[in-house]
Amino acid sequence: MTRPILTVLLPLATLLLAGCNAPEETGLHGYAEGDFIRIAPDLPGRITEAPAREGERIAAGSVLVRQDDTAEQAALAAIESRIDAATARYDDALAGARDPEIAAARDLLRQALAAQSDADQARERSRALFADGHISQARLDTAEAAAQSADARVDEMRQRLNIVQLPARSDQLRALQAEIAAAEAEREGARYRVAQRTVTAPANARIHRQLRFVGEQAGPTAAVYELLPDGAVHAVLFIPEPQLADLPVGTRLAVRCDACETGLTVTISTIDDTAEFTPPILYSDASRARLVFRAEALFDADPPPPGTPLFLEPRP
């Protein structure tokens, strides 16, 4: 029974020893990584529109999210009404009184002049009667007071006519201008808050994932979409310490993977200053326990999907 067992085990041992002594791969291992961004409104609120779908390509500036803006629109309408009212008051003050108001002031002045004439005549008669001894001093004093009152009324009506014919005072106009400017500043703030209820795409991108939908609440910490912008996929690779001097920034490497186009290359863009003892993701036993430097490289053509394992080697 011993010979058959040895006959089976010896070939297996030979294969294992041959595997242990197999030549080490000379290429580099890595993976494609995407710089995803999350799209969230600046203000919390209910989603009313979220038209994009997962996998869809969108252009920069495309509307991604709209929130309920009823309160913001109402506040904006109220401020617009305040601006209209203040502007109307300013225009009215600048133009002065209208023709009907001036005509009414003139009528009042004519009435005051007529009353003044009657009072003057009554005073003169009273003076004559008092001189002849027909009326008392009290009657004369009453007539004198009535005439003086009529004179004062005429002066008042003349001043009133002058006032209605003039535009508003400069300080009153400045106050109205300041009121209009303050309302216009509030309008800009209200328009900004309305605009915040609409979120657009910051760049050309692909919708990687939709996180929230119409009717749900979204806000600064509650994103609606996760996007992968164009050009946001790069290669992450790990350079063994002995090869570091041969692979500086700017080196071009050939890339092989299941999803890679033939002839795809990358260019090393950054290399970490500190080393790691093993890559965080190991793609082969041959890369274990190496002192490696994490590096990033930019694809020279269309990249594979994020997460794709890569095998990279210097171009001949």
C-alpha atoms as a PDB file:
ATOM      1  CA  MET A   1       0.000   0.000   0.000  1.00  0.00           C
ATOM      2  CA  THR A   2       2.986   2.409   0.533  1.00  0.00           C
ATOM      3  CA  ARG A   3       4.256   2.424  -3.091  1.00  0.00           C
ATOM      4  CA  PRO A   4       0.935   3.609  -4.645  1.00  0.00           C
ATOM      5  CA  ILE A   5       0.747   6.506  -2.146  1.00  0.00           C
ATOM      6  CA  LEU A   6       4.322   7.586  -2.898  1.00  0.00           C
ATOM      7  CA  THR A   7       3.591   7.297  -6.603  1.00  0.00           C
ATOM      8  CA  VAL A   8       0.803   9.882  -6.173  1.00  0.00           C
ATOM      9  CA  LEU A   9       2.550  12.211  -3.693  1.00  0.00           C
ATOM     10  CA  LEU A  10       5.922  12.522  -5.485  1.00  0.00           C
ATOM     11  CA  PRO A  11       4.486  14.187  -8.637  1.00  0.00           C
ATOM     12  CA  LEU A  12       2.454  16.559  -6.467  1.00  0.00           C
ATOM     13  CA  ALA A  13       5.517  17.523  -4.449  1.00  0.00           C
ATOM     14  CA  THR A  14       7.449  18.097  -7.650  1.00  0.00           C
ATOM     15  CA  LEU A  15       4.733  20.427  -8.948  1.00  0.00           C
ATOM     16  CA  LEU A  16       4.645  22.363  -5.668  1.00  0.00           C
ATOM     17  CA  LEU A  17       8.429  22.801  -5.655  1.00  0.00           C
ATOM     18  CA  ALA A  18       8.342  23.926  -9.270  1.00  0.00           C
ATOM     19  CA  GLY A  19       5.646  26.483  -8.363  1.00  0.00           C
ATOM     20  CA  CYS A  20       7.743  27.811  -5.516  1.00  0.00           C
ATOM     21  CA  ASN A  21      10.730  28.223  -7.828  1.00  0.00           C
ATOM     22  CA  ALA A  22       8.713  29.783 -10.677  1.00  0.00           C
ATOM     23  CA  PRO A  23      10.149  33.007 -12.014  1.00  0.00           C
ATOM     24  CA  GLU A  24       8.685  36.100 -10.394  1.00  0.00           C
ATOM     25  CA  GLU A  25       6.454  38.334 -12.464  1.00  0.00           C
ATOM     26  CA  THR A  26       8.257  41.475 -13.574  1.00  0.00           C
ATOM     27  CA  GLY A  27       5.139  43.626 -14.189  1.00  0.00           C
ATOM     28  CA  LEU A  28       3.224  45.803 -11.753  1.00  0.00           C
ATOM     29  CA  HIS A  29      -0.195  45.198 -10.280  1.00  0.00           C
ATOM     30  CA  GLY A  30      -2.900  47.742  -9.629  1.00  0.00           C
ATOM     31  CA  TYR A  31      -6.513  48.626 -10.252  1.00  0.00           C
ATOM     32  CA  ALA A  32      -8.656  51.335 -11.824  1.00  0.00           C
ATOM     33  CA  GLU A  33     -10.021  53.843  -9.350  1.00  0.00           C
ATOM     34  CA  GLY A  34     -12.765  56.420  -9.919  1.00  0.00           C
ATOM     35  CA  ASP A  35     -13.058  59.811  -8.224  1.00  0.00           C
ATOM     36  CA  PHE A  36     -16.791  59.790  -7.579  1.00  0.00           C
ATOM     37  CA  ILE A  37     -18.652  62.901  -6.460  1.00  0.00           C
ATOM     38  CA  ARG A  38     -21.955  63.091  -4.618  1.00  0.00           C
ATOM     39  CA  ILE A  39     -24.606  65.591  -5.633  1.00  0.00           C
ATOM     40  CA  ALA A  40     -26.637  67.072  -2.780  1.00  0.00           C
ATOM     41  CA  PRO A  41     -28.745  70.250  -2.411  1.00  0.00           C
ATOM     42  CA  ASP A  42     -27.400  73.060  -0.245  1.00  0.00           C
ATOM     43  CA  LEU A  43     -30.706  73.278   1.647  1.00  0.00           C
ATOM     44  CA  PRO A  44     -32.815  70.465   3.118  1.00  0.00           C
ATOM     45  CA  GLY A  45     -36.136  69.925   1.390  1.00  0.00           C
ATOM     46  CA  ARG A  46     -38.445  67.588  -0.496  1.00  0.00           C
ATOM     47  CA  ILE A  47     -37.398  66.406  -3.968  1.00  0.00           C
ATOM     48  CA  THR A  48     -39.908  67.294  -6.691  1.00  0.00           C
ATOM     49  CA  GLU A  49     -37.812  66.308  -9.719  1.00  0.00           C
ATOM     50  CA  ALA A  50     -34.875  63.912 -10.184  1.00  0.00           C
ATOM     51  CA  PRO A  51     -34.891  63.173 -13.936  1.00  0.00           C
ATOM     52  CA  ALA A  52     -31.512  61.409 -14.392  1.00  0.00           C
ATOM     53  CA  ARG A  53     -31.226  57.605 -14.177  1.00  0.00           C
ATOM     54  CA  GLU A  54     -28.377  55.270 -13.274  1.00  0.00           C
ATOM     55  CA  GLY A  55     -25.985  54.670 -16.151  1.00  0.00           C
ATOM     56  CA  GLU A  56     -27.158  57.762 -18.043  1.00  0.00           C
ATOM     57  CA  ARG A  57     -24.615  60.232 -19.381  1.00  0.00           C
ATOM     58  CA  ILE A  58     -25.296  63.877 -18.551  1.00  0.00           C
ATOM     59  CA  ALA A  59     -23.794  67.164 -19.706  1.00  0.00           C
ATOM     60  CA  ALA A  60     -22.453  69.891 -17.454  1.00  0.00           C
ATOM     61  CA  GLY A  61     -25.275  72.208 -16.390  1.00  0.00           C
ATOM     62  CA  SER A  62     -28.018  69.592 -16.768  1.00  0.00           C
ATOM     63  CA  VAL A  63     -30.704  69.775 -14.083  1.00  0.00           C
ATOM     64  CA  LEU A  64     -30.305  66.883 -11.671  1.00  0.00           C
ATOM     65  CA  VAL A  65     -32.515  67.831  -8.719  1.00  0.00           C
ATOM     66  CA  ARG A  66     -35.358  70.234  -8.062  1.00  0.00           C
ATOM     67  CA  GLN A  67     -36.801  70.746  -4.583  1.00  0.00           C
ATOM     68  CA  ASP A  68     -40.070  72.243  -3.403  1.00  0.00           C
ATOM     69  CA  ASP A  69     -39.553  76.028  -3.515  1.00  0.00           C
ATOM     70  CA  THR A  70     -43.058  77.237  -2.555  1.00  0.00           C
ATOM     71  CA  ALA A  71     -41.862  79.202   0.483  1.00  0.00           C
ATOM     72  CA  GLU A  72     -38.958  80.793  -1.400  1.00  0.00           C
ATOM     73  CA  GLN A  73     -41.185  81.832  -4.331  1.00  0.00           C
ATOM     74  CA  ALA A  74     -43.727  83.403  -1.945  1.00  0.00           C
ATOM     75  CA  ALA A  75     -40.983  85.369  -0.171  1.00  0.00           C
ATOM     76  CA  LEU A  76     -39.644  86.577  -3.512  1.00  0.00           C
ATOM     77  CA  ALA A  77     -43.108  87.719  -4.634  1.00  0.00           C
ATOM     78  CA  ALA A  78     -43.579  89.687  -1.387  1.00  0.00           C
ATOM     79  CA  ILE A  79     -40.255  91.477  -1.869  1.00  0.00           C
ATOM     80  CA  GLU A  80     -41.125  92.296  -5.487  1.00  0.00           C
ATOM     81  CA  SER A  81     -44.355  93.909  -4.289  1.00  0.00           C
ATOM     82  CA  ARG A  82     -42.440  95.972  -1.720  1.00  0.00           C
ATOM     83  CA  ILE A  83     -40.084  97.227  -4.426  1.00  0.00           C
ATOM     84  CA  ASP A  84     -43.009  98.225  -6.651  1.00  0.00           C
ATOM     85  CA  ALA A  85     -44.679 100.126  -3.786  1.00  0.00           C
ATOM     86  CA  ALA A  86     -41.488 101.946  -2.774  1.00  0.00           C
ATOM     87  CA  THR A  87     -40.729 102.859  -6.388  1.00  0.00           C
ATOM     88  CA  ALA A  88     -44.232 104.278  -6.838  1.00  0.00           C
ATOM     89  CA  ARG A  89     -43.844 106.408  -3.704  1.00  0.00           C
ATOM     90  CA  TYR A  90     -40.485 107.695  -4.923  1.00  0.00           C
ATOM     91  CA  ASP A  91     -41.836 108.606  -8.365  1.00  0.00           C
ATOM     92  CA  ASP A  92     -44.789 110.371  -6.772  1.00  0.00           C
ATOM     93  CA  ALA A  93     -42.539 112.341  -4.415  1.00  0.00           C
ATOM     94  CA  LEU A  94     -40.159 113.285  -7.209  1.00  0.00           C
ATOM     95  CA  ALA A  95     -42.944 114.575  -9.449  1.00  0.00           C
ATOM     96  CA  GLY A  96     -44.627 116.662  -6.744  1.00  0.00           C
ATOM     97  CA  ALA A  97     -48.392 117.185  -6.419  1.00  0.00           C
ATOM     98  CA  ARG A  98     -50.726 116.273  -9.228  1.00  0.00           C
ATOM     99  CA  ASP A  99     -52.819 118.866 -11.062  1.00  0.00           C
ATOM    100  CA  PRO A 100     -56.043 118.136  -9.106  1.00  0.00           C
ATOM    101  CA  GLU A 101     -54.207 118.659  -5.819  1.00  0.00           C
ATOM    102  CA  ILE A 102     -52.783 121.996  -7.018  1.00  0.00           C
ATOM    103  CA  ALA A 103     -56.241 123.099  -8.198  1.00  0.00           C
ATOM    104  CA  ALA A 104     -57.743 122.221  -4.819  1.00  0.00           C
ATOM    105  CA  ALA A 105     -55.058 124.237  -3.011  1.00  0.00           C
ATOM    106  CA  ARG A 106     -55.809 127.247  -5.223  1.00  0.00           C
ATOM    107  CA  ASP A 107     -59.520 126.984  -4.466  1.00  0.00           C
ATOM    108  CA  LEU A 108     -58.790 126.992  -0.734  1.00  0.00           C
ATOM    109  CA  LEU A 109     -56.627 130.110  -1.175  1.00  0.00           C
ATOM    110  CA  ARG A 110     -59.435 131.895  -3.044  1.00  0.00           C
ATOM    111  CA  GLN A 111     -61.880 131.030  -0.263  1.00  0.00           C
ATOM    112  CA  ALA A 112     -59.429 132.345   2.325  1.00  0.00           C
ATOM    113  CA  LEU A 113     -58.972 135.594   0.394  1.00  0.00           C
ATOM    114  CA  ALA A 114     -62.752 136.081   0.203  1.00  0.00           C
ATOM    115  CA  ALA A 115     -63.090 135.465   3.920  1.00  0.00           C
ATOM    116  CA  GLN A 116     -60.244 137.914   4.562  1.00  0.00           C
ATOM    117  CA  SER A 117     -62.022 140.606   2.539  1.00  0.00           C
ATOM    118  CA  ASP A 118     -65.257 140.105   4.499  1.00  0.00           C
ATOM    119  CA  ALA A 119     -63.382 140.227   7.816  1.00  0.00           C
ATOM    120  CA  ASP A 120     -61.560 143.419   6.829  1.00  0.00           C
ATOM    121  CA  GLN A 121     -64.849 145.127   5.925  1.00  0.00           C
ATOM    122  CA  ALA A 122     -66.457 143.987   9.175  1.00  0.00           C
ATOM    123  CA  ARG A 123     -63.516 145.339  11.159  1.00  0.00           C
ATOM    124  CA  GLU A 124     -63.704 148.735   9.439  1.00  0.00           C
ATOM    125  CA  ARG A 125     -67.470 149.018  10.164  1.00  0.00           C
ATOM    126  CA  SER A 126     -66.872 148.018  13.772  1.00  0.00           C
ATOM    127  CA  ARG A 127     -64.195 150.682  14.162  1.00  0.00           C
ATOM    128  CA  ALA A 128     -66.556 153.358  12.795  1.00  0.00           C
ATOM    129  CA  LEU A 129     -69.430 152.243  15.032  1.00  0.00           C
ATOM    130  CA  PHE A 130     -67.145 152.146  18.063  1.00  0.00           C
ATOM    131  CA  ALA A 131     -65.916 155.668  17.304  1.00  0.00           C
ATOM    132  CA  ASP A 132     -69.550 156.893  17.242  1.00  0.00           C
ATOM    133  CA  GLY A 133     -70.267 155.069  20.475  1.00  0.00           C
ATOM    134  CA  HIS A 134     -72.738 152.588  18.971  1.00  0.00           C
ATOM    135  CA  ILE A 135     -70.904 149.355  19.938  1.00  0.00           C
ATOM    136  CA  SER A 136     -68.831 148.273  22.876  1.00  0.00           C
ATOM    137  CA  GLN A 137     -65.126 147.606  23.058  1.00  0.00           C
ATOM    138  CA  ALA A 138     -65.847 143.883  23.183  1.00  0.00           C
ATOM    139  CA  ARG A 139     -67.638 143.977  19.812  1.00  0.00           C
ATOM    140  CA  LEU A 140     -64.702 145.823  18.299  1.00  0.00           C
ATOM    141  CA  ASP A 141     -62.203 143.315  19.748  1.00  0.00           C
ATOM    142  CA  THR A 142     -64.197 140.456  18.234  1.00  0.00           C
ATOM    143  CA  ALA A 143     -64.085 142.046  14.791  1.00  0.00           C
ATOM    144  CA  GLU A 144     -60.370 142.739  15.110  1.00  0.00           C
ATOM    145  CA  ALA A 145     -59.720 139.071  16.065  1.00  0.00           C
ATOM    146  CA  ALA A 146     -61.791 137.776  13.150  1.00  0.00           C
ATOM    147  CA  ALA A 147     -59.820 139.915  10.691  1.00  0.00           C
ATOM    148  CA  GLN A 148     -56.501 138.731  12.101  1.00  0.00           C
ATOM    149  CA  SER A 149     -57.669 135.102  11.859  1.00  0.00           C
ATOM    150  CA  ALA A 150     -58.637 135.635   8.207  1.00  0.00           C
ATOM    151  CA  ASP A 151     -55.188 137.109   7.491  1.00  0.00           C
ATOM    152  CA  ALA A 152     -53.500 134.060   9.054  1.00  0.00           C
ATOM    153  CA  ARG A 153     -55.712 131.710   7.038  1.00  0.00           C
ATOM    154  CA  VAL A 154     -54.667 133.419   3.801  1.00  0.00           C
ATOM    155  CA  ASP A 155     -50.984 133.048   4.721  1.00  0.00           C
ATOM    156  CA  GLU A 156     -51.529 129.345   5.473  1.00  0.00           C
ATOM    157  CA  MET A 157     -53.244 128.673   2.141  1.00  0.00           C
ATOM    158  CA  ARG A 158     -50.489 130.499   0.243  1.00  0.00           C
ATOM    159  CA  GLN A 159     -47.843 128.309   1.919  1.00  0.00           C
ATOM    160  CA  ARG A 160     -49.847 125.194   1.196  1.00  0.00           C
ATOM    161  CA  LEU A 161     -50.096 126.048  -2.493  1.00  0.00           C
ATOM    162  CA  ASN A 162     -46.350 126.653  -2.654  1.00  0.00           C
ATOM    163  CA  ILE A 163     -45.654 123.274  -1.004  1.00  0.00           C
ATOM    164  CA  VAL A 164     -47.866 121.194  -3.296  1.00  0.00           C
ATOM    165  CA  GLN A 165     -46.277 122.789  -6.338  1.00  0.00           C
ATOM    166  CA  LEU A 166     -42.761 121.736  -5.247  1.00  0.00           C
ATOM    167  CA  PRO A 167     -41.214 118.226  -5.465  1.00  0.00           C
ATOM    168  CA  ALA A 168     -40.424 116.331  -2.272  1.00  0.00           C
ATOM    169  CA  ARG A 169     -37.504 117.380  -0.097  1.00  0.00           C
ATOM    170  CA  SER A 170     -34.106 115.845  -0.843  1.00  0.00           C
ATOM    171  CA  ASP A 171     -33.931 113.981   2.471  1.00  0.00           C
ATOM    172  CA  GLN A 172     -37.333 112.414   1.824  1.00  0.00           C
ATOM    173  CA  LEU A 173     -36.181 111.308  -1.626  1.00  0.00           C
ATOM    174  CA  ARG A 174     -32.984 109.816  -0.167  1.00  0.00           C
ATOM    175  CA  ALA A 175     -35.013 107.871   2.380  1.00  0.00           C
ATOM    176  CA  LEU A 176     -37.198 106.423  -0.371  1.00  0.00           C
ATOM    177  CA  GLN A 177     -34.132 105.549  -2.456  1.00  0.00           C
ATOM    178  CA  ALA A 178     -32.596 103.734   0.519  1.00  0.00           C
ATOM    179  CA  GLU A 179     -35.838 101.807   1.033  1.00  0.00           C
ATOM    180  CA  ILE A 180     -35.797 100.697  -2.610  1.00  0.00           C
ATOM    181  CA  ALA A 181     -32.114  99.667  -2.426  1.00  0.00           C
ATOM    182  CA  ALA A 182     -32.714  97.599   0.725  1.00  0.00           C
ATOM    183  CA  ALA A 183     -35.648  95.803  -0.885  1.00  0.00           C
ATOM    184  CA  GLU A 184     -33.616  95.100  -4.021  1.00  0.00           C
ATOM    185  CA  ALA A 185     -30.834  93.570  -1.907  1.00  0.00           C
ATOM    186  CA  GLU A 186     -33.399  91.356  -0.201  1.00  0.00           C
ATOM    187  CA  ARG A 187     -34.672  90.365  -3.647  1.00  0.00           C
ATOM    188  CA  GLU A 188     -31.199  89.170  -4.648  1.00  0.00           C
ATOM    189  CA  GLY A 189     -31.048  87.021  -1.521  1.00  0.00           C
ATOM    190  CA  ALA A 190     -34.497  85.612  -2.240  1.00  0.00           C
ATOM    191  CA  ARG A 191     -33.537  84.799  -5.826  1.00  0.00           C
ATOM    192  CA  TYR A 192     -30.403  83.046  -4.572  1.00  0.00           C
ATOM    193  CA  ARG A 193     -32.475  80.905  -2.203  1.00  0.00           C
ATOM    194  CA  VAL A 194     -34.833  80.015  -5.052  1.00  0.00           C
ATOM    195  CA  ALA A 195     -31.852  79.053  -7.230  1.00  0.00           C
ATOM    196  CA  GLN A 196     -30.508  76.797  -4.470  1.00  0.00           C
ATOM    197  CA  ARG A 197     -33.583  74.616  -4.870  1.00  0.00           C
ATOM    198  CA  THR A 198     -32.269  73.528  -8.294  1.00  0.00           C
ATOM    199  CA  VAL A 199     -29.066  71.454  -8.518  1.00  0.00           C
ATOM    200  CA  THR A 200     -27.199  71.047 -11.816  1.00  0.00           C
ATOM    201  CA  ALA A 201     -24.372  68.779 -12.951  1.00  0.00           C
ATOM    202  CA  PRO A 202     -20.928  70.294 -12.289  1.00  0.00           C
ATOM    203  CA  ALA A 203     -19.316  68.475 -15.243  1.00  0.00           C
ATOM    204  CA  ASN A 204     -19.925  65.965 -18.013  1.00  0.00           C
ATOM    205  CA  ALA A 205     -20.411  62.696 -16.182  1.00  0.00           C
ATOM    206  CA  ARG A 206     -22.173  59.357 -15.908  1.00  0.00           C
ATOM    207  CA  ILE A 207     -24.783  58.645 -13.232  1.00  0.00           C
ATOM    208  CA  HIS A 208     -23.181  55.913 -11.176  1.00  0.00           C
ATOM    209  CA  ARG A 209     -25.918  55.572  -8.574  1.00  0.00           C
ATOM    210  CA  GLN A 210     -29.175  57.255  -7.573  1.00  0.00           C
ATOM    211  CA  LEU A 211     -29.479  57.458  -3.813  1.00  0.00           C
ATOM    212  CA  ARG A 212     -32.807  59.302  -3.320  1.00  0.00           C
ATOM    213  CA  PHE A 213     -35.968  59.738  -5.353  1.00  0.00           C
ATOM    214  CA  VAL A 214     -38.912  62.110  -5.885  1.00  0.00           C
ATOM    215  CA  GLY A 215     -40.856  62.676  -2.678  1.00  0.00           C
ATOM    216  CA  GLU A 216     -37.924  61.954  -0.380  1.00  0.00           C
ATOM    217  CA  GLN A 217     -36.019  64.508   1.688  1.00  0.00           C
ATOM    218  CA  ALA A 218     -32.579  65.619   0.502  1.00  0.00           C
ATOM    219  CA  GLY A 219     -30.053  68.075   1.870  1.00  0.00           C
ATOM    220  CA  PRO A 220     -26.375  68.815   2.474  1.00  0.00           C
ATOM    221  CA  THR A 221     -25.830  65.445   4.181  1.00  0.00           C
ATOM    222  CA  ALA A 222     -28.399  63.543   2.111  1.00  0.00           C
ATOM    223  CA  ALA A 223     -27.095  63.222  -1.461  1.00  0.00           C
ATOM    224  CA  VAL A 224     -29.344  62.359  -4.405  1.00  0.00           C
ATOM    225  CA  TYR A 225     -26.826  61.133  -6.998  1.00  0.00           C
ATOM    226  CA  GLU A 226     -23.325  59.719  -7.158  1.00  0.00           C
ATOM    227  CA  LEU A 227     -21.542  60.774 -10.363  1.00  0.00           C
ATOM    228  CA  LEU A 228     -18.407  59.636 -12.152  1.00  0.00           C
ATOM    229  CA  PRO A 229     -17.142  62.677 -14.102  1.00  0.00           C
ATOM    230  CA  ASP A 230     -15.429  62.215 -17.441  1.00  0.00           C
ATOM    231  CA  GLY A 231     -11.693  61.747 -16.952  1.00  0.00           C
ATOM    232  CA  ALA A 232     -12.111  60.898 -13.268  1.00  0.00           C
ATOM    233  CA  VAL A 233     -10.812  57.299 -13.621  1.00  0.00           C
ATOM    234  CA  HIS A 234      -7.114  56.732 -13.002  1.00  0.00           C
ATOM    235  CA  ALA A 235      -4.874  53.770 -12.335  1.00  0.00           C
ATOM    236  CA  VAL A 236      -3.515  52.934  -8.887  1.00  0.00           C
ATOM    237  CA  LEU A 237      -0.350  50.829  -8.992  1.00  0.00           C
ATOM    238  CA  PHE A 238       2.302  49.644  -6.583  1.00  0.00           C
ATOM    239  CA  ILE A 239       5.980  50.020  -7.487  1.00  0.00           C
ATOM    240  CA  PRO A 240       8.473  47.728  -5.708  1.00  0.00           C
ATOM    241  CA  GLU A 241      11.324  49.614  -4.098  1.00  0.00           C
ATOM    242  CA  PRO A 242      14.021  48.117  -6.402  1.00  0.00           C
ATOM    243  CA  GLN A 243      12.146  49.419  -9.487  1.00  0.00           C
ATOM    244  CA  LEU A 244      11.416  52.884  -8.103  1.00  0.00           C
ATOM    245  CA  ALA A 245      14.399  54.556  -9.770  1.00  0.00           C
ATOM    246  CA  ASP A 246      13.450  53.078 -13.151  1.00  0.00           C
ATOM    247  CA  LEU A 247       9.821  54.297 -13.012  1.00  0.00           C
ATOM    248  CA  PRO A 248       9.797  58.051 -12.288  1.00  0.00           C
ATOM    249  CA  VAL A 249       6.814  60.358 -12.774  1.00  0.00           C
ATOM    250  CA  GLY A 250       6.103  60.641 -16.484  1.00  0.00           C
ATOM    251  CA  THR A 251       6.883  56.993 -17.293  1.00  0.00           C
ATOM    252  CA  ARG A 252       4.430  55.356 -19.686  1.00  0.00           C
ATOM    253  CA  LEU A 253       3.278  51.819 -18.955  1.00  0.00           C
ATOM    254  CA  ALA A 254       1.363  49.310 -21.042  1.00  0.00           C
ATOM    255  CA  VAL A 255      -1.856  48.080 -19.415  1.00  0.00           C
ATOM    256  CA  ARG A 256      -3.523  44.688 -19.670  1.00  0.00           C
ATOM    257  CA  CYS A 257      -6.894  43.726 -18.234  1.00  0.00           C
ATOM    258  CA  ASP A 258     -10.037  41.899 -19.298  1.00  0.00           C
ATOM    259  CA  ALA A 259     -11.853  45.178 -20.066  1.00  0.00           C
ATOM    260  CA  CYS A 260      -8.872  47.065 -21.526  1.00  0.00           C
ATOM    261  CA  GLU A 261      -8.547  48.035 -25.154  1.00  0.00           C
ATOM    262  CA  THR A 262      -5.509  46.719 -27.010  1.00  0.00           C
ATOM    263  CA  GLY A 263      -2.590  49.100 -26.744  1.00  0.00           C
ATOM    264  CA  LEU A 264      -3.957  50.978 -23.714  1.00  0.00           C
ATOM    265  CA  THR A 265      -1.268  52.873 -21.817  1.00  0.00           C
ATOM    266  CA  VAL A 266      -1.002  55.002 -18.686  1.00  0.00           C
ATOM    267  CA  THR A 267       1.420  57.713 -17.598  1.00  0.00           C
ATOM    268  CA  ILE A 268       2.603  57.838 -13.988  1.00  0.00           C
ATOM    269  CA  SER A 269       1.471  61.155 -12.458  1.00  0.00           C
ATOM    270  CA  THR A 270       2.278  60.831  -8.738  1.00  0.00           C
ATOM    271  CA  ILE A 271       4.277  58.535  -6.459  1.00  0.00           C
ATOM    272  CA  ASP A 272       3.872  58.474  -2.682  1.00  0.00           C
ATOM    273  CA  ASP A 273       6.805  59.573  -0.548  1.00  0.00           C
ATOM    274  CA  THR A 274       6.378  56.725   1.947  1.00  0.00           C
ATOM    275  CA  ALA A 275       6.412  52.984   1.319  1.00  0.00           C
ATOM    276  CA  GLU A 276       3.939  50.271   2.209  1.00  0.00           C
ATOM    277  CA  PHE A 277       4.831  46.707   3.092  1.00  0.00           C
ATOM    278  CA  THR A 278       2.123  45.140   0.973  1.00  0.00           C
ATOM    279  CA  PRO A 279      -0.466  46.572  -1.388  1.00  0.00           C
ATOM    280  CA  PRO A 280      -3.885  46.823   0.272  1.00  0.00           C
ATOM    281  CA  ILE A 281      -5.234  44.478  -2.439  1.00  0.00           C
ATOM    282  CA  LEU A 282      -3.009  41.551  -3.481  1.00  0.00           C
ATOM    283  CA  TYR A 283      -3.485  40.247  -6.988  1.00  0.00           C
ATOM    284  CA  SER A 284      -0.830  37.517  -6.960  1.00  0.00           C
ATOM    285  CA  ASP A 285       1.195  35.538  -4.466  1.00  0.00           C
ATOM    286  CA  ALA A 286       4.378  36.816  -6.097  1.00  0.00           C
ATOM    287  CA  SER A 287       3.666  40.367  -4.873  1.00  0.00           C
ATOM    288  CA  ARG A 288       3.427  39.474  -1.201  1.00  0.00           C
ATOM    289  CA  ALA A 289       5.730  40.941   1.422  1.00  0.00           C
ATOM    290  CA  ARG A 290       7.268  43.527  -0.884  1.00  0.00           C
ATOM    291  CA  LEU A 291       8.236  47.041   0.052  1.00  0.00           C
ATOM    292  CA  VAL A 292       6.141  49.034  -2.432  1.00  0.00           C
ATOM    293  CA  PHE A 293       5.273  52.641  -3.191  1.00  0.00           C
ATOM    294  CA  ARG A 294       1.729  53.551  -4.100  1.00  0.00           C
ATOM    295  CA  ALA A 295       1.499  55.540  -7.344  1.00  0.00           C
ATOM    296  CA  GLU A 296      -1.211  56.929  -9.586  1.00  0.00           C
ATOM    297  CA  ALA A 297      -1.229  57.064 -13.372  1.00  0.00           C
ATOM    298  CA  LEU A 298      -3.458  58.709 -15.947  1.00  0.00           C
ATOM    299  CA  PHE A 299      -4.971  56.707 -18.794  1.00  0.00           C
ATOM    300  CA  ASP A 300      -4.018  57.842 -22.291  1.00  0.00           C
ATOM    301  CA  ALA A 301      -7.324  56.579 -23.761  1.00  0.00           C
ATOM    302  CA  ASP A 302     -10.735  55.383 -22.543  1.00  0.00           C
ATOM    303  CA  PRO A 303     -10.204  53.731 -19.149  1.00  0.00           C
ATOM    304  CA  PRO A 304     -11.763  50.489 -17.919  1.00  0.00           C
ATOM    305  CA  PRO A 305     -14.498  50.619 -15.243  1.00  0.00           C
ATOM    306  CA  PRO A 306     -13.424  51.530 -11.696  1.00  0.00           C
ATOM    307  CA  GLY A 307     -12.350  48.495  -9.674  1.00  0.00           C
ATOM    308  CA  THR A 308     -10.905  46.620 -12.659  1.00  0.00           C
ATOM    309  CA  PRO A 309      -7.658  44.772 -11.747  1.00  0.00           C
ATOM    310  CA  LEU A 310      -4.725  45.890 -13.908  1.00  0.00           C
ATOM    311  CA  PHE A 311      -1.388  44.416 -14.901  1.00  0.00           C
ATOM    312  CA  LEU A 312       1.105  47.062 -15.990  1.00  0.00           C
ATOM    313  CA  GLU A 313       4.574  46.777 -17.495  1.00  0.00           C
ATOM    314  CA  PRO A 314       7.038  49.264 -18.973  1.00  0.00           C
ATOM    315  CA  ARG A 315       6.661  49.784 -22.680  1.00  0.00           C
ATOM    316  CA  PRO A 316       9.465  48.196 -24.723  1.00  0.00           C
END
